[in-house]
N, C-alpha and C. Protein backbone atom coordinates (compact mmCIF):
# COMPACT_ATOMS: atom_id res chain seq x y z
N MET A 1 -0.84 -0.05 -19.36
CA MET A 1 -0.70 -1.00 -18.28
C MET A 1 0.49 -1.93 -18.52
N ALA A 2 0.94 -2.05 -19.75
CA ALA A 2 2.07 -2.93 -20.05
C ALA A 2 3.38 -2.38 -19.51
N VAL A 3 3.38 -1.14 -19.09
CA VAL A 3 4.59 -0.51 -18.57
C VAL A 3 4.90 -1.02 -17.16
N LEU A 4 3.88 -1.30 -16.38
CA LEU A 4 4.10 -1.69 -14.98
C LEU A 4 4.91 -2.97 -14.82
N PRO A 5 4.58 -4.06 -15.52
CA PRO A 5 5.41 -5.25 -15.36
C PRO A 5 6.87 -5.00 -15.77
N TYR A 6 7.06 -4.21 -16.80
CA TYR A 6 8.42 -3.91 -17.24
C TYR A 6 9.16 -3.10 -16.18
N PHE A 7 8.48 -2.13 -15.58
CA PHE A 7 9.10 -1.31 -14.53
C PHE A 7 9.52 -2.17 -13.35
N PHE A 8 8.63 -3.04 -12.88
CA PHE A 8 8.96 -3.87 -11.74
C PHE A 8 10.00 -4.94 -12.10
N TYR A 9 10.03 -5.37 -13.35
CA TYR A 9 11.08 -6.28 -13.80
C TYR A 9 12.44 -5.59 -13.73
N LEU A 10 12.49 -4.33 -14.16
CA LEU A 10 13.74 -3.57 -14.08
C LEU A 10 14.17 -3.35 -12.63
N GLN A 11 13.21 -3.07 -11.76
CA GLN A 11 13.53 -2.90 -10.35
C GLN A 11 14.12 -4.19 -9.77
N ALA A 12 13.51 -5.32 -10.09
CA ALA A 12 14.00 -6.60 -9.60
C ALA A 12 15.40 -6.89 -10.15
N LYS A 13 15.63 -6.54 -11.40
CA LYS A 13 16.95 -6.75 -12.00
C LYS A 13 18.01 -5.88 -11.32
N ARG A 14 17.65 -4.63 -10.98
CA ARG A 14 18.58 -3.74 -10.28
C ARG A 14 18.94 -4.30 -8.91
N ILE A 15 17.94 -4.80 -8.19
CA ILE A 15 18.18 -5.37 -6.87
C ILE A 15 19.06 -6.62 -7.00
N HIS A 16 18.77 -7.45 -7.99
CA HIS A 16 19.55 -8.66 -8.22
C HIS A 16 21.01 -8.31 -8.50
N ARG A 17 21.24 -7.32 -9.34
CA ARG A 17 22.62 -6.91 -9.66
C ARG A 17 23.33 -6.32 -8.45
N ALA A 18 22.61 -5.53 -7.64
CA ALA A 18 23.23 -4.94 -6.45
C ALA A 18 23.66 -6.03 -5.48
N ILE A 19 22.82 -7.03 -5.29
CA ILE A 19 23.18 -8.14 -4.40
C ILE A 19 24.36 -8.90 -4.97
N ASP A 20 24.37 -9.10 -6.27
CA ASP A 20 25.46 -9.80 -6.94
C ASP A 20 26.77 -9.03 -6.81
N GLU A 21 26.71 -7.70 -6.87
CA GLU A 21 27.92 -6.88 -6.73
C GLU A 21 28.50 -6.96 -5.33
N TRP A 22 27.67 -7.22 -4.33
CA TRP A 22 28.16 -7.37 -2.96
C TRP A 22 28.89 -8.70 -2.78
N GLY A 23 28.81 -9.57 -3.78
CA GLY A 23 29.47 -10.86 -3.70
C GLY A 23 28.65 -11.92 -2.98
N ILE A 24 27.35 -11.69 -2.88
CA ILE A 24 26.46 -12.64 -2.22
C ILE A 24 25.62 -13.32 -3.28
N ASN A 25 25.40 -14.61 -3.11
CA ASN A 25 24.52 -15.32 -4.03
C ASN A 25 23.10 -14.77 -3.86
N PRO A 26 22.50 -14.22 -4.92
CA PRO A 26 21.16 -13.62 -4.79
C PRO A 26 20.10 -14.58 -4.27
N TRP A 27 20.19 -15.86 -4.61
CA TRP A 27 19.18 -16.80 -4.12
C TRP A 27 19.28 -17.01 -2.62
N LEU A 28 20.48 -16.85 -2.08
CA LEU A 28 20.64 -16.92 -0.63
C LEU A 28 19.89 -15.76 0.04
N VAL A 29 19.93 -14.59 -0.58
CA VAL A 29 19.20 -13.43 -0.06
C VAL A 29 17.70 -13.62 -0.23
N TYR A 30 17.27 -14.15 -1.37
CA TYR A 30 15.84 -14.34 -1.62
C TYR A 30 15.22 -15.33 -0.64
N VAL A 31 16.01 -16.30 -0.19
CA VAL A 31 15.50 -17.27 0.78
C VAL A 31 15.74 -16.76 2.21
N GLY A 32 16.90 -16.16 2.42
CA GLY A 32 17.26 -15.72 3.77
C GLY A 32 16.52 -14.50 4.27
N ALA A 33 16.21 -13.56 3.39
CA ALA A 33 15.54 -12.33 3.82
C ALA A 33 14.17 -12.59 4.44
N PRO A 34 13.30 -13.39 3.80
CA PRO A 34 12.02 -13.67 4.47
C PRO A 34 12.17 -14.43 5.78
N VAL A 35 13.13 -15.35 5.82
CA VAL A 35 13.35 -16.11 7.06
C VAL A 35 13.81 -15.17 8.17
N LEU A 36 14.75 -14.26 7.85
CA LEU A 36 15.20 -13.29 8.84
C LEU A 36 14.10 -12.32 9.24
N PHE A 37 13.28 -11.92 8.27
CA PHE A 37 12.18 -10.99 8.57
C PHE A 37 11.20 -11.62 9.55
N PHE A 38 10.73 -12.81 9.23
CA PHE A 38 9.75 -13.44 10.12
C PHE A 38 10.39 -13.91 11.43
N GLY A 39 11.65 -14.32 11.38
CA GLY A 39 12.34 -14.67 12.62
C GLY A 39 12.53 -13.46 13.52
N GLY A 40 12.90 -12.32 12.92
CA GLY A 40 13.02 -11.09 13.70
C GLY A 40 11.68 -10.62 14.23
N SER A 41 10.64 -10.82 13.46
CA SER A 41 9.30 -10.43 13.90
C SER A 41 8.87 -11.27 15.10
N ILE A 42 9.13 -12.56 15.02
CA ILE A 42 8.78 -13.45 16.14
C ILE A 42 9.58 -13.07 17.38
N ALA A 43 10.87 -12.78 17.20
CA ALA A 43 11.70 -12.38 18.34
C ALA A 43 11.21 -11.06 18.94
N LEU A 44 10.83 -10.12 18.10
CA LEU A 44 10.33 -8.83 18.59
C LEU A 44 9.06 -9.01 19.40
N PHE A 45 8.13 -9.79 18.88
CA PHE A 45 6.85 -9.97 19.57
C PHE A 45 6.98 -10.84 20.83
N SER A 46 8.00 -11.67 20.90
CA SER A 46 8.16 -12.50 22.10
C SER A 46 8.87 -11.75 23.23
N ARG A 47 9.54 -10.64 22.91
CA ARG A 47 10.33 -9.95 23.93
C ARG A 47 9.79 -8.59 24.34
N MET A 48 8.86 -8.03 23.58
CA MET A 48 8.38 -6.68 23.89
C MET A 48 6.88 -6.68 24.15
N VAL A 49 6.48 -5.82 25.07
CA VAL A 49 5.06 -5.68 25.37
C VAL A 49 4.37 -4.87 24.28
N TYR A 50 5.01 -3.80 23.84
CA TYR A 50 4.43 -2.91 22.83
C TYR A 50 5.01 -3.19 21.44
N ALA A 51 5.20 -4.44 21.14
CA ALA A 51 5.82 -4.83 19.87
C ALA A 51 4.99 -4.40 18.67
N SER A 52 3.68 -4.38 18.80
CA SER A 52 2.83 -4.00 17.67
C SER A 52 3.08 -2.56 17.26
N TRP A 53 3.27 -1.69 18.26
CA TRP A 53 3.54 -0.28 17.96
C TRP A 53 4.90 -0.13 17.27
N VAL A 54 5.90 -0.83 17.78
CA VAL A 54 7.23 -0.77 17.17
C VAL A 54 7.19 -1.32 15.75
N TYR A 55 6.44 -2.38 15.56
CA TYR A 55 6.33 -3.03 14.26
C TYR A 55 5.71 -2.10 13.23
N VAL A 56 4.63 -1.44 13.61
CA VAL A 56 3.99 -0.48 12.70
C VAL A 56 4.93 0.71 12.47
N GLY A 57 5.69 1.10 13.49
CA GLY A 57 6.67 2.18 13.32
C GLY A 57 7.77 1.82 12.33
N VAL A 58 8.25 0.59 12.39
CA VAL A 58 9.27 0.14 11.43
C VAL A 58 8.69 0.14 10.02
N ALA A 59 7.45 -0.31 9.89
CA ALA A 59 6.80 -0.30 8.57
C ALA A 59 6.62 1.13 8.08
N ALA A 60 6.30 2.06 8.99
CA ALA A 60 6.13 3.46 8.60
C ALA A 60 7.45 4.06 8.12
N VAL A 61 8.54 3.74 8.79
CA VAL A 61 9.85 4.23 8.34
C VAL A 61 10.18 3.67 6.96
N ALA A 62 9.87 2.41 6.74
CA ALA A 62 10.10 1.81 5.42
C ALA A 62 9.23 2.48 4.35
N LEU A 63 7.98 2.80 4.71
CA LEU A 63 7.10 3.50 3.76
C LEU A 63 7.62 4.89 3.43
N LEU A 64 8.15 5.57 4.43
CA LEU A 64 8.66 6.92 4.20
C LEU A 64 9.89 6.92 3.29
N GLN A 65 10.60 5.80 3.24
CA GLN A 65 11.74 5.71 2.33
C GLN A 65 11.30 5.76 0.87
N LEU A 66 10.05 5.36 0.61
CA LEU A 66 9.52 5.41 -0.75
C LEU A 66 9.04 6.80 -1.15
N CYS A 67 9.06 7.74 -0.22
CA CYS A 67 8.51 9.08 -0.47
C CYS A 67 9.58 10.11 -0.76
N ASN A 68 10.76 9.70 -1.15
CA ASN A 68 11.85 10.60 -1.47
C ASN A 68 11.48 11.46 -2.68
N SER A 69 11.60 12.77 -2.54
CA SER A 69 11.12 13.67 -3.60
C SER A 69 11.93 13.52 -4.89
N THR A 70 13.22 13.24 -4.79
CA THR A 70 14.02 13.06 -6.01
C THR A 70 13.56 11.83 -6.78
N ARG A 71 13.32 10.76 -6.05
CA ARG A 71 12.83 9.53 -6.68
C ARG A 71 11.44 9.73 -7.28
N LEU A 72 10.60 10.44 -6.57
CA LEU A 72 9.24 10.68 -7.06
C LEU A 72 9.24 11.59 -8.28
N ARG A 73 10.17 12.53 -8.32
CA ARG A 73 10.28 13.39 -9.50
C ARG A 73 10.63 12.56 -10.72
N PHE A 74 11.53 11.60 -10.55
CA PHE A 74 11.87 10.71 -11.66
C PHE A 74 10.66 9.90 -12.12
N LEU A 75 9.91 9.36 -11.16
CA LEU A 75 8.72 8.57 -11.51
C LEU A 75 7.68 9.41 -12.24
N ARG A 76 7.52 10.66 -11.82
CA ARG A 76 6.54 11.53 -12.49
C ARG A 76 6.97 11.84 -13.92
N GLN A 77 8.26 11.96 -14.13
CA GLN A 77 8.75 12.22 -15.49
C GLN A 77 8.66 10.97 -16.36
N ALA A 78 8.81 9.81 -15.76
CA ALA A 78 8.84 8.57 -16.53
C ALA A 78 7.45 8.07 -16.89
N PHE A 79 6.45 8.37 -16.07
CA PHE A 79 5.12 7.81 -16.27
C PHE A 79 4.07 8.91 -16.37
N ASP A 80 2.96 8.55 -17.01
CA ASP A 80 1.83 9.48 -16.99
C ASP A 80 1.18 9.42 -15.61
N ARG A 81 0.24 10.31 -15.36
CA ARG A 81 -0.34 10.46 -14.02
C ARG A 81 -1.00 9.17 -13.50
N ARG A 82 -1.73 8.51 -14.36
CA ARG A 82 -2.43 7.29 -13.95
C ARG A 82 -1.45 6.16 -13.62
N THR A 83 -0.46 5.97 -14.47
CA THR A 83 0.54 4.93 -14.23
C THR A 83 1.38 5.25 -13.00
N TYR A 84 1.69 6.53 -12.81
CA TYR A 84 2.45 6.96 -11.63
C TYR A 84 1.71 6.57 -10.35
N ARG A 85 0.41 6.81 -10.31
CA ARG A 85 -0.38 6.46 -9.12
C ARG A 85 -0.41 4.95 -8.91
N ARG A 86 -0.50 4.20 -9.99
CA ARG A 86 -0.50 2.74 -9.87
C ARG A 86 0.83 2.23 -9.34
N VAL A 87 1.92 2.80 -9.86
CA VAL A 87 3.25 2.40 -9.39
C VAL A 87 3.38 2.67 -7.90
N ARG A 88 2.97 3.86 -7.48
CA ARG A 88 3.06 4.21 -6.06
C ARG A 88 2.21 3.27 -5.20
N MET A 89 1.00 2.99 -5.67
CA MET A 89 0.12 2.12 -4.91
C MET A 89 0.69 0.70 -4.82
N LEU A 90 1.21 0.20 -5.91
CA LEU A 90 1.79 -1.15 -5.90
C LEU A 90 3.04 -1.23 -5.03
N GLU A 91 3.89 -0.20 -5.09
CA GLU A 91 5.09 -0.20 -4.25
C GLU A 91 4.72 -0.24 -2.77
N HIS A 92 3.78 0.59 -2.39
CA HIS A 92 3.37 0.63 -0.98
C HIS A 92 2.71 -0.68 -0.57
N THR A 93 1.91 -1.24 -1.45
CA THR A 93 1.25 -2.52 -1.14
C THR A 93 2.27 -3.64 -0.99
N LEU A 94 3.24 -3.70 -1.89
CA LEU A 94 4.26 -4.74 -1.81
C LEU A 94 5.12 -4.60 -0.56
N LEU A 95 5.40 -3.38 -0.16
CA LEU A 95 6.23 -3.16 1.02
C LEU A 95 5.49 -3.54 2.30
N VAL A 96 4.21 -3.26 2.36
CA VAL A 96 3.43 -3.46 3.58
C VAL A 96 2.94 -4.91 3.73
N THR A 97 2.89 -5.65 2.65
CA THR A 97 2.31 -7.00 2.67
C THR A 97 2.94 -7.94 3.71
N PRO A 98 4.26 -8.05 3.84
CA PRO A 98 4.79 -8.95 4.87
C PRO A 98 4.45 -8.50 6.29
N PHE A 99 4.45 -7.19 6.51
CA PHE A 99 4.06 -6.67 7.83
C PHE A 99 2.60 -7.02 8.13
N LEU A 100 1.74 -6.82 7.13
CA LEU A 100 0.32 -7.14 7.31
C LEU A 100 0.12 -8.63 7.56
N ALA A 101 0.82 -9.46 6.81
CA ALA A 101 0.68 -10.91 6.97
C ALA A 101 1.04 -11.33 8.39
N PHE A 102 2.13 -10.79 8.90
CA PHE A 102 2.54 -11.18 10.25
C PHE A 102 1.57 -10.64 11.30
N LEU A 103 1.14 -9.40 11.14
CA LEU A 103 0.18 -8.84 12.10
C LEU A 103 -1.13 -9.63 12.10
N LEU A 104 -1.59 -10.02 10.93
CA LEU A 104 -2.83 -10.80 10.85
C LEU A 104 -2.65 -12.20 11.43
N CYS A 105 -1.48 -12.79 11.24
CA CYS A 105 -1.21 -14.10 11.85
C CYS A 105 -1.20 -14.01 13.37
N ARG A 106 -0.76 -12.89 13.89
CA ARG A 106 -0.74 -12.67 15.34
C ARG A 106 -2.10 -12.26 15.89
N GLY A 107 -3.04 -11.96 15.01
CA GLY A 107 -4.37 -11.55 15.46
C GLY A 107 -4.47 -10.07 15.77
N GLU A 108 -3.50 -9.29 15.34
CA GLU A 108 -3.48 -7.84 15.58
C GLU A 108 -4.22 -7.14 14.44
N ILE A 109 -5.52 -7.31 14.40
CA ILE A 109 -6.32 -6.80 13.28
C ILE A 109 -6.34 -5.28 13.25
N TRP A 110 -6.46 -4.65 14.41
CA TRP A 110 -6.53 -3.18 14.43
C TRP A 110 -5.22 -2.55 13.99
N PHE A 111 -4.11 -3.14 14.37
CA PHE A 111 -2.82 -2.63 13.92
C PHE A 111 -2.64 -2.86 12.42
N ALA A 112 -3.14 -3.98 11.93
CA ALA A 112 -3.07 -4.25 10.49
C ALA A 112 -3.90 -3.23 9.72
N LEU A 113 -5.09 -2.93 10.22
CA LEU A 113 -5.92 -1.91 9.56
C LEU A 113 -5.27 -0.53 9.63
N GLY A 114 -4.67 -0.22 10.76
CA GLY A 114 -3.95 1.05 10.89
C GLY A 114 -2.79 1.14 9.92
N LEU A 115 -2.10 0.04 9.73
CA LEU A 115 -0.99 0.01 8.78
C LEU A 115 -1.48 0.19 7.35
N LEU A 116 -2.63 -0.39 7.03
CA LEU A 116 -3.22 -0.18 5.70
C LEU A 116 -3.57 1.29 5.48
N VAL A 117 -4.15 1.92 6.49
CA VAL A 117 -4.49 3.34 6.39
C VAL A 117 -3.22 4.17 6.24
N LEU A 118 -2.19 3.83 7.00
CA LEU A 118 -0.92 4.54 6.90
C LEU A 118 -0.30 4.39 5.51
N ALA A 119 -0.36 3.19 4.97
CA ALA A 119 0.17 2.96 3.62
C ALA A 119 -0.59 3.77 2.59
N ALA A 120 -1.91 3.83 2.72
CA ALA A 120 -2.71 4.61 1.78
C ALA A 120 -2.45 6.11 1.94
N ALA A 121 -2.22 6.54 3.18
CA ALA A 121 -2.00 7.97 3.42
C ALA A 121 -0.64 8.44 2.92
N THR A 122 0.33 7.56 2.85
CA THR A 122 1.66 7.97 2.40
C THR A 122 1.85 7.88 0.89
N ILE A 123 0.85 7.42 0.17
CA ILE A 123 0.98 7.35 -1.29
C ILE A 123 1.20 8.73 -1.91
N PRO A 124 0.42 9.76 -1.56
CA PRO A 124 0.66 11.07 -2.18
C PRO A 124 1.76 11.88 -1.49
N LEU A 125 2.34 11.38 -0.41
CA LEU A 125 3.30 12.13 0.38
C LEU A 125 4.65 12.22 -0.32
N ARG A 126 5.25 13.42 -0.25
CA ARG A 126 6.61 13.63 -0.76
C ARG A 126 7.46 14.19 0.36
N ILE A 127 8.62 13.60 0.57
CA ILE A 127 9.51 14.04 1.64
C ILE A 127 10.82 14.47 1.03
N GLY A 128 11.34 15.57 1.50
CA GLY A 128 12.59 16.11 0.99
C GLY A 128 12.32 17.36 0.19
N THR A 129 13.36 18.10 -0.01
CA THR A 129 13.20 19.34 -0.75
C THR A 129 13.53 19.11 -2.21
N ALA A 130 12.72 19.65 -3.04
CA ALA A 130 12.99 19.54 -4.48
C ALA A 130 14.10 20.50 -4.87
N ARG A 131 14.16 21.61 -4.19
CA ARG A 131 15.21 22.60 -4.44
C ARG A 131 15.91 22.90 -3.13
N SER A 132 17.19 23.14 -3.20
CA SER A 132 17.90 23.48 -1.98
C SER A 132 18.00 24.99 -1.85
N ALA A 133 17.78 25.47 -0.66
CA ALA A 133 17.87 26.90 -0.42
C ALA A 133 19.33 27.26 -0.14
N THR A 134 19.81 28.30 -0.77
CA THR A 134 21.18 28.73 -0.56
C THR A 134 21.20 30.19 -0.17
N LEU A 135 22.16 30.52 0.63
CA LEU A 135 22.35 31.91 1.00
C LEU A 135 23.33 32.54 0.02
N PRO A 136 23.11 33.79 -0.32
CA PRO A 136 24.06 34.43 -1.24
C PRO A 136 25.41 34.60 -0.56
N THR A 137 26.48 34.36 -1.31
CA THR A 137 27.81 34.48 -0.73
C THR A 137 28.48 35.80 -1.09
N TYR A 138 27.92 36.50 -2.05
CA TYR A 138 28.49 37.78 -2.45
C TYR A 138 27.40 38.83 -2.39
N ILE A 139 27.62 39.79 -1.54
CA ILE A 139 26.68 40.91 -1.45
C ILE A 139 27.47 42.17 -1.81
N PRO A 140 27.11 42.79 -2.91
CA PRO A 140 27.87 43.99 -3.30
C PRO A 140 27.59 45.15 -2.35
N ILE A 141 28.66 45.77 -1.92
CA ILE A 141 28.54 46.94 -1.05
C ILE A 141 29.12 48.12 -1.80
N THR A 142 28.33 49.12 -1.92
CA THR A 142 28.81 50.33 -2.60
C THR A 142 28.91 51.46 -1.59
N ILE A 143 30.02 52.13 -1.63
CA ILE A 143 30.23 53.28 -0.75
C ILE A 143 30.26 54.52 -1.62
N SER A 144 29.34 55.39 -1.36
CA SER A 144 29.32 56.62 -2.15
C SER A 144 30.07 57.72 -1.41
N PRO A 145 30.84 58.55 -2.17
CA PRO A 145 31.67 59.59 -1.53
C PRO A 145 30.88 60.73 -0.99
């Protein structure tokens, strides 16, 4: 279990460095991202009739980004089976939490429950091909006399 905090610490450090490489103060992003997220959520819900469906769809697209087969192959090699499942569960929970918080604040309980089910259903999901299929470029042709 001591591996999980270290893994998420490394992930946070990678994100911090990536933001720093863009030339942006990381603390500006840490404060600005939640403000933009909730501001965008409020704008979406104030302007659309079916905003709950779009909101859950955006969360689903974000969840599917965590299901990349190359990334999952790395996680399976790095962790044992039990730790791998915990990492996947925590990643999905952390990603869905702001969406759930906003849906619950809006009183959209059924959409929040649906999003929880969707997050749980995408934990074992893998998207992408592990191997690429290629067509042969050389086919030997023999002509017999």
